Protein backbone atom coordinates (compact mmCIF):
# COMPACT_ATOMS: atom_id res chain seq x y z
CA UNK A 1 88.68 103.19 116.42
CA UNK A 2 92.29 103.41 115.11
CA UNK A 3 93.68 106.57 116.04
CA UNK A 4 96.82 107.87 114.24
CA UNK A 5 99.13 110.52 115.44
CA UNK A 6 99.50 113.99 114.50
CA UNK A 7 103.12 113.91 113.26
CA UNK A 8 102.12 110.88 111.13
CA UNK A 9 99.30 112.61 109.35
CA UNK A 10 101.64 115.88 108.96
CA UNK A 11 104.91 114.02 107.98
CA UNK A 12 102.98 110.32 106.16
CA UNK A 13 99.41 111.23 105.76
CA UNK A 14 99.55 114.21 103.74
CA UNK A 15 102.32 113.20 101.48
CA UNK A 16 100.36 109.81 100.62
CA UNK A 17 97.16 111.93 99.98
CA UNK A 18 99.11 114.07 98.06
CA UNK A 19 100.80 111.29 96.18
CA UNK A 20 97.12 109.52 95.53
CA UNK A 21 95.25 112.80 94.31
CA UNK A 22 98.33 113.43 92.28
CA UNK A 23 97.86 109.54 91.16
CA UNK A 24 93.49 110.06 90.28
CA UNK A 25 94.49 112.80 88.32
CA UNK A 26 96.42 111.09 86.23
CA UNK A 27 94.38 108.05 86.22
CA UNK A 28 91.69 110.94 85.03
CA UNK A 29 93.20 112.13 82.55
CA UNK A 30 92.39 115.97 83.59
CA UNK A 31 94.98 118.63 83.77
CA UNK A 32 97.77 117.96 86.00
CA UNK A 33 96.61 121.56 88.86
CA UNK A 34 99.73 121.24 91.51
CA UNK A 35 97.49 123.17 93.92
CA UNK A 36 94.32 121.42 93.59
CA UNK A 37 96.13 118.34 94.10
CA UNK A 38 97.73 119.66 97.70
CA UNK A 39 94.76 121.08 98.93
CA UNK A 40 92.69 117.98 97.74
CA UNK A 41 95.54 116.26 99.73
CA UNK A 42 95.05 118.10 102.92
CA UNK A 43 91.87 117.54 103.07
CA UNK A 44 91.82 113.72 102.80
CA UNK A 45 94.76 113.30 105.44
CA UNK A 46 92.17 115.13 107.25
CA UNK A 47 89.76 113.15 106.68
CA UNK A 48 91.40 110.06 107.36
CA UNK A 49 92.38 111.40 110.81
CA UNK A 50 88.69 112.03 111.13
CA UNK A 51 87.32 108.89 110.23
CA UNK A 52 90.33 107.07 111.80
CA UNK A 53 88.79 108.39 115.09
CA UNK A 54 85.54 106.69 114.67
CA UNK A 55 84.68 103.32 116.10
CA UNK A 56 84.31 101.80 112.51
CA UNK A 57 85.28 97.57 111.91
CA UNK A 58 88.32 97.39 109.46
CA UNK A 59 88.15 98.40 105.94
CA UNK A 60 84.97 100.92 106.41
CA UNK A 61 87.41 103.61 106.79
CA UNK A 62 89.15 102.72 103.38
CA UNK A 63 84.88 102.77 101.70
CA UNK A 64 84.38 106.16 103.38
CA UNK A 65 88.00 107.64 102.44
CA UNK A 66 86.89 106.16 99.29
CA UNK A 67 83.51 107.98 99.04
CA UNK A 68 84.99 111.15 100.21
CA UNK A 69 87.55 111.11 97.74
CA UNK A 70 85.13 110.53 95.10
CA UNK A 71 82.72 113.45 96.29
CA UNK A 72 85.84 115.71 95.94
CA UNK A 73 87.07 114.83 92.96
CA UNK A 74 83.74 115.03 91.11
CA UNK A 75 83.48 118.42 92.79
CA UNK A 76 86.85 120.18 91.85
CA UNK A 77 87.06 118.26 88.72
CA UNK A 78 83.34 118.45 87.46
CA UNK A 79 83.99 115.49 85.94
CA UNK A 80 81.34 113.00 85.24
CA UNK A 81 80.89 110.63 88.43
CA UNK A 82 81.62 107.10 86.30
CA UNK A 83 84.99 108.33 85.03
CA UNK A 84 85.85 109.63 88.63
CA UNK A 85 84.84 106.50 90.08
CA UNK A 86 86.94 104.79 87.55
CA UNK A 87 89.95 106.66 88.27
CA UNK A 88 89.47 106.27 92.16
CA UNK A 89 89.06 102.51 92.94
CA UNK A 90 92.83 102.17 90.43
CA UNK A 91 94.50 104.85 92.08
CA UNK A 92 93.35 103.40 96.35
CA UNK A 93 94.23 99.56 94.75
CA UNK A 94 97.30 101.55 93.80
CA UNK A 95 97.94 102.62 97.59
CA UNK A 96 97.30 99.27 99.46
CA UNK A 97 99.07 97.66 97.08
CA UNK A 98 102.15 99.69 97.57
CA UNK A 99 101.66 99.54 101.40
CA UNK A 100 101.09 96.03 101.53
CA UNK A 101 104.60 95.04 98.93
CA UNK A 102 106.78 98.05 100.41
CA UNK A 103 105.99 97.45 104.12
CA UNK A 104 106.56 93.31 103.17
CA UNK A 105 110.02 93.55 101.10
CA UNK A 106 111.25 96.63 104.20
CA UNK A 107 110.69 94.29 107.05
CA UNK A 108 112.58 91.36 105.63
CA UNK A 109 115.68 94.07 104.53
CA UNK A 110 115.49 95.65 108.11
CA UNK A 111 115.16 91.70 109.54
CA UNK A 112 118.68 90.90 107.31
CA UNK A 113 120.09 93.65 109.71
CA UNK A 114 118.28 93.23 112.89
CA UNK A 115 117.30 89.71 113.49
CA UNK A 116 114.49 89.56 115.59
CA UNK A 117 113.14 92.68 114.25
CA UNK A 118 109.88 91.53 113.17
CA UNK A 119 109.56 89.32 116.03
CA UNK A 120 108.74 93.11 117.17
CA UNK A 121 106.33 93.53 114.10
CA UNK A 122 103.46 94.36 116.27
CA UNK A 123 105.60 97.43 118.11
CA UNK A 124 106.25 99.48 114.90
CA UNK A 125 102.71 101.07 114.25
CA UNK A 126 103.48 102.71 118.09
CA UNK A 127 106.82 104.06 116.92
CA UNK A 128 105.89 107.11 115.17
CA UNK A 129 109.14 107.51 113.70
CA UNK A 130 109.71 104.39 111.84
CA UNK A 131 106.15 104.74 110.71
CA UNK A 132 106.05 107.46 109.09
CA UNK A 133 109.59 106.20 107.55
CA UNK A 134 108.60 102.97 106.49
CA UNK A 135 105.09 104.86 104.77
CA UNK A 136 106.78 107.19 102.81
CA UNK A 137 108.23 103.88 100.73
CA UNK A 138 104.94 103.55 98.94
CA UNK A 139 104.36 107.32 99.24
CA UNK A 140 107.09 107.65 96.10
CA UNK A 141 105.77 104.70 94.15
CA UNK A 142 102.98 106.14 94.27
CA UNK A 143 104.64 109.48 92.50
CA UNK A 144 106.79 107.18 90.35
CA UNK A 145 103.71 105.35 88.87
CA UNK A 146 101.85 108.77 88.06
CA UNK A 147 105.08 109.84 86.83
CA UNK A 148 105.66 106.85 84.38
CA UNK A 149 101.84 107.19 82.87
CA UNK A 150 102.42 111.00 82.38
CA UNK A 151 105.47 109.86 80.73
CA UNK A 152 104.54 107.67 78.18
CA UNK A 153 101.31 109.12 77.81
CA UNK A 154 102.88 112.62 76.60
CA UNK A 155 105.00 110.21 74.52
CA UNK A 156 102.55 108.59 72.60
CA UNK A 157 100.70 111.82 71.84
CA UNK A 158 104.01 113.69 70.56
CA UNK A 159 104.03 110.67 68.62
CA UNK A 160 100.38 110.40 67.24
CA UNK A 161 101.22 114.81 66.93
CA UNK A 162 104.69 113.90 64.43
CA UNK A 163 102.76 111.34 62.20
CA UNK A 164 99.54 113.61 62.08
CA UNK A 165 102.13 116.51 60.66
CA UNK A 166 104.29 114.18 58.50
CA UNK A 167 101.25 112.93 56.93
CA UNK A 168 99.38 116.24 56.74
CA UNK A 169 96.88 115.67 58.67
CA UNK A 170 96.65 118.92 60.08
CA UNK A 171 98.97 122.23 59.73
CA UNK A 172 101.61 122.90 61.50
CA UNK A 173 100.36 126.27 62.99
CA UNK A 174 97.75 124.68 64.14
CA UNK A 175 99.58 122.54 66.54
C-alpha cells in the first residue's frame, strides 16, 4: 500500500494524468479533444489514488493503471484495442522514463545548492509540496513531447498537402 495525499493527487496527479492522456491521444492519432483529455485525466488520477490504497506489490499498480487507461481510451475513442495498446504502452514508458530522469536530475541539481540533501532522499516523499514540485517537471516533459510530435506531424502533413497541390494530385477547392 502506497497511499498518496489528496493534495499530491490534485496538484500533481491530475496534471500528470492529463499529460498522459494528451500523449496517448497524440500517439493514437485521434483528434485532440481537451474536454475528453481532461475528463480522462481526472478519472485516471482518481484510479491512481484508489489503486494506491490497495495492498499490492510494487509495480502492480502500474499494470492496473495501464489496463484501466486502455479500457477508458477504447471506450471514449472507439478505436481498435490493439491500436490503443500500442499508444498507451509508449505513453506509460515516457511517463516512467521522464519521472526517473527528471527526479534524478532534480536531486543532483538540489544537491549542488544544498549539500547533504540527497542524504535525506527518503524523506522527499513525505514532504507533500516537495513531491508536488519535483513531479511537475516530468509533467511538463510529457506535454512538450506530445506537442513536438503534433508539430512535426502537422508540418509533414502541410508538406504533403503542398506537394499534392503542386503536382495536381488534388484540387485546391477540395483541400
